[in-house]
């Protein structure tokens, strides 16, 4: 929509005049009959007459002279007709264009995600989006979680996928953001396949006493959550090692160098013959959520992806399952 068209729409809203009333004015000027003008717009003769009377009251101008036999433009109405007819044409063209944009199926949507989710949740999520919207191209920013929020705030990403909740953050730091929880999941131990605990249904935190643990070093506070759980459940004499890649955690465990701790979804995604993910007990969970700017209306295609992602998780916030190849 052009600047002049936008100004025209704002002017109509400010005056209380509707586009329907302007359409009716132009059509009545052509037909000189309330009945015929009403028929053209699908309204009754009385509704057409009332609408024109309301338009004249809003404009404080008499546009038509009425008699029992005919309707005729006044001098004021005749002078306004060319300008109003042009305005109606321009607005209808703009509205048709807007409807075409709103129903378009193609476009580009940018998603920022913390690195740990790229290695676990994102593959199934992007596959599901592509299956439902094959003409929408999805671009991915793989970044630390703090950077994810920066990308969303700057508008470089339409939305972000992150772990943890913003609820405990400083309200002044998150007042411009809106989040939607997708699901919560428990942490698990990543064990060598031949480890004595690998066949257990769960691993107790205190079973990790004396172990060498590999954790993902990111900025989602998961390291602090795990360290607190180890302390609370009496897992002492632990050697904690931070790694920057989720795959590195799995490789260290597969080589028999220790035990990893990851979210269950990440553990399932990284499962291989040499390692086995087993839920930890008592359970400690993390939340996965979508985030976007409050002040920015999502573009049409991004809104479709947002809605699809949210609806992909049921009322119990269960994670999306990875589709079979």
Protein backbone atom coordinates (compact mmCIF):
# COMPACT_ATOMS: atom_id res chain seq x y z
CA UNK A 1 0.00 0.00 0.00
CA UNK A 2 1.40 3.42 -0.96
CA UNK A 3 1.85 6.31 1.47
CA UNK A 4 -1.11 8.15 -0.07
CA UNK A 5 -3.29 5.05 0.23
CA UNK A 6 -2.24 4.59 3.83
CA UNK A 7 -3.00 8.22 4.60
CA UNK A 8 -6.38 7.83 2.92
CA UNK A 9 -7.27 4.79 5.03
CA UNK A 10 -6.20 6.60 8.20
CA UNK A 11 -8.23 9.61 7.17
CA UNK A 12 -11.32 7.44 6.68
CA UNK A 13 -10.87 5.87 10.10
CA UNK A 14 -10.44 9.26 11.74
CA UNK A 15 -13.58 10.65 10.09
CA UNK A 16 -15.68 7.56 10.73
CA UNK A 17 -16.38 7.21 7.00
CA UNK A 18 -16.27 3.63 5.69
CA UNK A 19 -15.07 2.36 2.33
CA UNK A 20 -18.51 0.77 1.88
CA UNK A 21 -20.14 4.20 2.17
CA UNK A 22 -17.78 5.64 -0.44
CA UNK A 23 -18.49 2.71 -2.77
CA UNK A 24 -22.19 3.32 -2.33
CA UNK A 25 -21.77 7.03 -3.08
CA UNK A 26 -20.04 6.26 -6.40
CA UNK A 27 -22.57 3.58 -7.40
CA UNK A 28 -25.56 5.76 -6.44
CA UNK A 29 -24.12 8.60 -8.53
CA UNK A 30 -24.07 6.20 -11.50
CA UNK A 31 -27.49 4.58 -11.04
CA UNK A 32 -29.38 7.51 -9.43
CA UNK A 33 -31.52 4.93 -7.67
CA UNK A 34 -31.22 3.69 -4.08
CA UNK A 35 -32.82 0.40 -5.08
CA UNK A 36 -30.35 -0.26 -7.91
CA UNK A 37 -27.36 0.93 -5.85
CA UNK A 38 -28.43 -1.29 -2.96
CA UNK A 39 -28.81 -4.28 -5.27
CA UNK A 40 -25.30 -3.70 -6.63
CA UNK A 41 -23.85 -3.95 -3.12
CA UNK A 42 -26.24 -6.58 -1.79
CA UNK A 43 -28.11 -4.32 0.65
CA UNK A 44 -31.69 -3.14 0.83
CA UNK A 45 -32.99 0.20 -0.50
CA UNK A 46 -33.59 1.45 3.02
CA UNK A 47 -30.09 0.42 4.16
CA UNK A 48 -28.55 2.21 1.17
CA UNK A 49 -30.56 5.36 1.90
CA UNK A 50 -29.58 5.29 5.58
CA UNK A 51 -25.89 4.77 4.74
CA UNK A 52 -25.81 7.79 2.40
CA UNK A 53 -27.57 9.91 5.00
CA UNK A 54 -24.97 8.88 7.60
CA UNK A 55 -22.19 9.73 5.13
CA UNK A 56 -23.63 13.19 4.57
CA UNK A 57 -23.90 13.72 8.33
CA UNK A 58 -20.27 12.67 8.86
CA UNK A 59 -19.03 14.95 6.06
CA UNK A 60 -21.50 17.69 6.98
CA UNK A 61 -22.27 18.01 3.28
CA UNK A 62 -25.35 17.33 1.21
CA UNK A 63 -24.30 15.05 -1.64
CA UNK A 64 -27.65 14.18 -3.25
CA UNK A 65 -30.99 15.86 -3.83
CA UNK A 66 -33.84 13.40 -3.39
CA UNK A 67 -37.30 13.57 -4.81
CA UNK A 68 -39.98 10.93 -5.01
CA UNK A 69 -38.97 10.23 -8.59
CA UNK A 70 -35.19 10.61 -8.77
CA UNK A 71 -31.87 11.05 -7.00
CA UNK A 72 -29.41 13.61 -8.32
CA UNK A 73 -25.98 14.81 -7.28
CA UNK A 74 -25.71 18.23 -5.70
CA UNK A 75 -22.99 20.58 -6.92
CA UNK A 76 -20.86 19.45 -3.95
CA UNK A 77 -21.49 15.80 -4.74
CA UNK A 78 -20.63 16.36 -8.40
CA UNK A 79 -17.35 18.04 -7.46
CA UNK A 80 -16.36 15.25 -5.08
CA UNK A 81 -17.31 12.34 -7.34
CA UNK A 82 -14.11 12.11 -9.47
CA UNK A 83 -11.83 12.26 -6.42
CA UNK A 84 -13.84 9.77 -4.37
CA UNK A 85 -14.16 7.39 -7.34
CA UNK A 86 -10.37 7.47 -7.79
CA UNK A 87 -9.83 6.91 -4.07
CA UNK A 88 -12.20 3.93 -4.04
CA UNK A 89 -10.40 2.37 -7.03
CA UNK A 90 -6.97 2.81 -5.39
CA UNK A 91 -8.11 1.37 -2.09
CA UNK A 92 -9.74 -1.64 -3.72
CA UNK A 93 -6.55 -2.36 -5.67
CA UNK A 94 -4.54 -2.07 -2.44
CA UNK A 95 -6.92 -4.36 -0.56
CA UNK A 96 -6.79 -6.98 -3.33
CA UNK A 97 -3.00 -6.88 -3.12
CA UNK A 98 -3.17 -7.23 0.67
CA UNK A 99 -5.42 -10.28 0.38
CA UNK A 100 -3.01 -11.86 -2.10
CA UNK A 101 -0.11 -11.32 0.33
CA UNK A 102 -2.09 -12.70 3.28
CA UNK A 103 -2.94 -15.90 1.40
CA UNK A 104 0.48 -16.41 -0.20
CA UNK A 105 2.04 -19.78 0.61
CA UNK A 106 5.62 -18.94 -0.32
CA UNK A 107 8.19 -16.87 1.54
CA UNK A 108 11.18 -17.08 3.87
CA UNK A 109 11.02 -17.54 7.64
CA UNK A 110 14.09 -17.14 9.84
CA UNK A 111 14.42 -19.18 13.05
CA UNK A 112 17.18 -18.74 15.63
CA UNK A 113 17.93 -21.63 17.98
CA UNK A 114 20.31 -22.45 20.79
CA UNK A 115 22.92 -24.95 19.67
CA UNK A 116 21.75 -27.77 21.94
CA UNK A 117 18.30 -27.69 20.32
CA UNK A 118 19.77 -27.68 16.81
CA UNK A 119 21.28 -31.07 17.63
CA UNK A 120 18.06 -32.51 19.03
CA UNK A 121 14.68 -30.82 18.53
CA UNK A 122 15.21 -28.89 15.30
CA UNK A 123 15.56 -31.71 12.74
CA UNK A 124 12.08 -33.14 13.41
CA UNK A 125 10.60 -29.67 13.83
CA UNK A 126 11.92 -28.31 10.53
CA UNK A 127 10.94 -31.52 8.74
CA UNK A 128 7.37 -31.15 10.00
CA UNK A 129 7.22 -27.50 8.91
CA UNK A 130 8.55 -28.32 5.46
CA UNK A 131 6.01 -31.12 5.01
CA UNK A 132 3.12 -28.79 5.86
CA UNK A 133 4.48 -25.70 4.06
CA UNK A 134 6.80 -26.88 1.26
CA UNK A 135 6.90 -23.43 -0.37
CA UNK A 136 8.09 -21.62 2.76
CA UNK A 137 11.88 -21.59 2.99
CA UNK A 138 13.23 -21.90 6.54
CA UNK A 139 16.58 -20.35 7.39
CA UNK A 140 18.32 -21.30 10.64
CA UNK A 141 20.61 -19.32 12.94
CA UNK A 142 22.59 -21.73 15.15
CA UNK A 143 23.76 -19.61 18.08
CA UNK A 144 24.25 -19.45 21.85
CA UNK A 145 20.99 -18.71 23.62
CA UNK A 146 21.90 -15.12 24.48
CA UNK A 147 22.59 -14.50 20.80
CA UNK A 148 19.21 -16.07 19.92
CA UNK A 149 17.46 -13.37 21.94
CA UNK A 150 19.57 -10.67 20.28
CA UNK A 151 18.64 -11.93 16.81
CA UNK A 152 14.93 -11.93 17.67
CA UNK A 153 15.10 -8.45 19.20
CA UNK A 154 16.94 -7.06 16.17
CA UNK A 155 14.43 -8.57 13.76
CA UNK A 156 17.12 -10.71 12.13
CA UNK A 157 15.10 -13.78 13.17
CA UNK A 158 11.30 -14.01 13.05
CA UNK A 159 11.29 -16.26 16.11
CA UNK A 160 13.66 -18.11 18.40
CA UNK A 161 13.73 -21.55 19.99
CA UNK A 162 15.28 -21.71 23.41
CA UNK A 163 15.51 -23.71 26.61
CA UNK A 164 14.45 -22.55 30.04
CA UNK A 165 11.85 -19.95 30.90
CA UNK A 166 12.03 -16.18 30.87
CA UNK A 167 9.69 -16.03 33.86
CA UNK A 168 12.55 -15.75 36.34
CA UNK A 169 14.36 -13.06 34.37
CA UNK A 170 14.42 -9.36 35.21
CA UNK A 171 11.06 -7.99 33.95
CA UNK A 172 12.82 -4.99 32.41
CA UNK A 173 15.01 -7.33 30.34
CA UNK A 174 12.14 -9.32 28.79
CA UNK A 175 9.31 -6.76 28.56
CA UNK A 176 9.69 -6.71 24.77
CA UNK A 177 9.47 -10.50 24.34
CA UNK A 178 6.64 -13.01 24.24
CA UNK A 179 7.15 -16.75 24.81
CA UNK A 180 5.09 -19.85 24.15
CA UNK A 181 6.01 -23.04 26.04
CA UNK A 182 6.22 -26.07 23.75
CA UNK A 183 7.13 -28.87 26.13
CA UNK A 184 9.15 -29.87 29.18
CA UNK A 185 11.47 -32.87 29.34
CA UNK A 186 13.63 -34.66 31.89
CA UNK A 187 17.40 -34.96 31.95
CA UNK A 188 19.00 -38.33 31.25
CA UNK A 189 22.34 -39.98 31.73
CA UNK A 190 24.22 -40.89 28.54
CA UNK A 191 25.98 -44.15 29.38
CA UNK A 192 28.40 -46.41 27.53
CA UNK A 193 26.30 -49.26 26.11
CA UNK A 194 28.15 -51.83 28.26
CA UNK A 195 27.90 -49.84 31.48
CA UNK A 196 26.23 -51.73 34.35
CA UNK A 197 23.54 -49.02 34.58
CA UNK A 198 22.73 -48.97 30.84
CA UNK A 199 20.06 -51.65 31.19
CA UNK A 200 18.30 -49.94 34.11
CA UNK A 201 14.94 -48.17 33.73
CA UNK A 202 16.33 -45.12 35.57
CA UNK A 203 19.63 -43.94 37.02
CA UNK A 204 19.60 -42.32 40.46
CA UNK A 205 21.62 -39.15 40.84
CA UNK A 206 23.58 -40.74 43.68
CA UNK A 207 24.55 -43.57 41.32
CA UNK A 208 26.85 -41.01 39.71
CA UNK A 209 29.08 -40.70 42.80
CA UNK A 210 32.74 -40.67 41.74
CA UNK A 211 31.92 -40.48 38.03
CA UNK A 212 33.53 -38.33 35.37
CA UNK A 213 30.65 -36.34 33.85
CA UNK A 214 30.55 -34.57 30.50
CA UNK A 215 28.10 -31.66 30.29
CA UNK A 216 27.23 -29.23 27.54
CA UNK A 217 28.73 -25.80 28.25
CA UNK A 218 26.11 -23.34 27.03
CA UNK A 219 24.41 -20.20 28.35
CA UNK A 220 21.04 -21.75 29.19
CA UNK A 221 21.82 -22.29 32.88
CA UNK A 222 21.52 -26.07 32.41
CA UNK A 223 24.99 -26.55 33.90
CA UNK A 224 23.87 -24.83 37.11
CA UNK A 225 20.66 -26.91 37.19
CA UNK A 226 22.63 -30.16 36.88
CA UNK A 227 25.25 -29.13 39.46
CA UNK A 228 22.48 -28.23 41.91
CA UNK A 229 20.73 -31.60 41.34
CA UNK A 230 23.97 -33.49 41.93
CA UNK A 231 24.50 -31.65 45.20
CA UNK A 232 20.89 -32.03 46.38
CA UNK A 233 20.84 -35.78 45.74
CA UNK A 234 24.18 -36.56 47.33
CA UNK A 235 26.26 -37.27 44.21
CA UNK A 236 29.68 -36.37 45.57
CA UNK A 237 33.24 -36.70 44.31
CA UNK A 238 32.13 -35.79 40.76
CA UNK A 239 34.55 -34.64 38.06
CA UNK A 240 32.63 -32.21 35.82
CA UNK A 241 33.90 -31.42 32.34
CA UNK A 242 32.25 -28.90 30.04
CA UNK A 243 32.16 -29.43 26.29
CA UNK A 244 30.90 -27.01 23.64
CA UNK A 245 29.18 -29.52 21.32
CA UNK A 246 26.45 -32.05 22.13
CA UNK A 247 28.06 -34.51 19.74
CA UNK A 248 31.32 -34.25 21.70
CA UNK A 249 29.53 -35.38 24.85
CA UNK A 250 28.30 -38.50 23.06
CA UNK A 251 31.72 -39.24 21.55
CA UNK A 252 33.45 -39.01 24.93
CA UNK A 253 30.91 -41.40 26.43
CA UNK A 254 31.19 -43.78 23.47
CA UNK A 255 34.95 -43.87 24.03
CA UNK A 256 34.34 -45.00 27.63
CA UNK A 257 35.75 -41.82 29.16
CA UNK A 258 32.78 -41.00 31.37
CA UNK A 259 29.03 -40.36 31.55
CA UNK A 260 27.13 -37.57 29.88
CA UNK A 261 24.06 -35.69 31.07
CA UNK A 262 21.69 -34.27 28.49
CA UNK A 263 17.95 -33.62 28.09
CA UNK A 264 16.10 -36.83 27.18
CA UNK A 265 15.16 -35.51 23.71
CA UNK A 266 18.81 -34.76 22.97
CA UNK A 267 19.81 -38.13 24.32
CA UNK A 268 17.34 -39.95 22.10
CA UNK A 269 18.45 -37.97 19.06
CA UNK A 270 22.10 -38.79 19.68
CA UNK A 271 21.59 -42.47 20.57
CA UNK A 272 23.92 -44.86 18.81
CA UNK A 273 25.10 -48.42 19.30
CA UNK A 274 27.90 -47.42 21.68
CA UNK A 275 25.81 -45.29 24.09
CA UNK A 276 22.48 -45.60 25.90
CA UNK A 277 20.33 -42.73 27.30
CA UNK A 278 18.64 -43.57 30.64
CA UNK A 279 16.30 -41.17 32.54
CA UNK A 280 17.68 -39.75 35.78
CA UNK A 281 15.71 -40.10 39.02
CA UNK A 282 14.31 -38.03 40.67
CA UNK A 283 13.49 -36.21 37.44
CA UNK A 284 14.91 -32.76 36.71
CA UNK A 285 13.30 -31.00 33.76
CA UNK A 286 13.97 -28.22 31.29
CA UNK A 287 11.44 -26.23 29.27
CA UNK A 288 11.60 -25.64 25.51
CA UNK A 289 9.81 -22.54 24.23
CA UNK A 290 9.32 -20.26 21.22
CA UNK A 291 10.07 -16.57 21.59
CA UNK A 292 9.23 -13.52 19.47
CA UNK A 293 9.01 -9.75 19.82
CA UNK A 294 5.80 -8.42 21.34
CA UNK A 295 5.92 -5.19 19.38
CA UNK A 296 6.18 -6.80 15.95
CA UNK A 297 3.36 -8.56 14.16
CA UNK A 298 4.75 -11.70 12.60
CA UNK A 299 4.78 -11.76 8.78
CA UNK A 300 2.08 -14.00 7.32
CA UNK A 301 4.38 -16.93 6.57
CA UNK A 302 6.14 -16.67 9.95
CA UNK A 303 2.76 -16.63 11.70
CA UNK A 304 1.88 -19.86 9.89
CA UNK A 305 5.12 -21.51 11.06
CA UNK A 306 4.62 -20.25 14.63
CA UNK A 307 1.07 -21.65 14.71
CA UNK A 308 2.19 -24.95 13.18
CA UNK A 309 4.99 -25.39 15.72
CA UNK A 310 2.75 -24.59 18.68
CA UNK A 311 0.00 -26.91 17.43
CA UNK A 312 2.54 -29.71 16.93
CA UNK A 313 2.60 -30.20 20.68
CA UNK A 314 -0.45 -31.47 22.52
CA UNK A 315 -2.02 -30.14 25.70
CA UNK A 316 0.47 -32.15 27.74
CA UNK A 317 3.39 -30.44 25.94
CA UNK A 318 4.81 -33.69 24.62
CA UNK A 319 7.70 -33.23 22.18
CA UNK A 320 7.32 -33.74 18.49
CA UNK A 321 8.40 -37.22 17.47
CA UNK A 322 11.16 -37.63 14.92
CA UNK A 323 9.66 -39.01 11.74
CA UNK A 324 10.97 -42.26 10.37
CA UNK A 325 12.99 -41.92 7.18
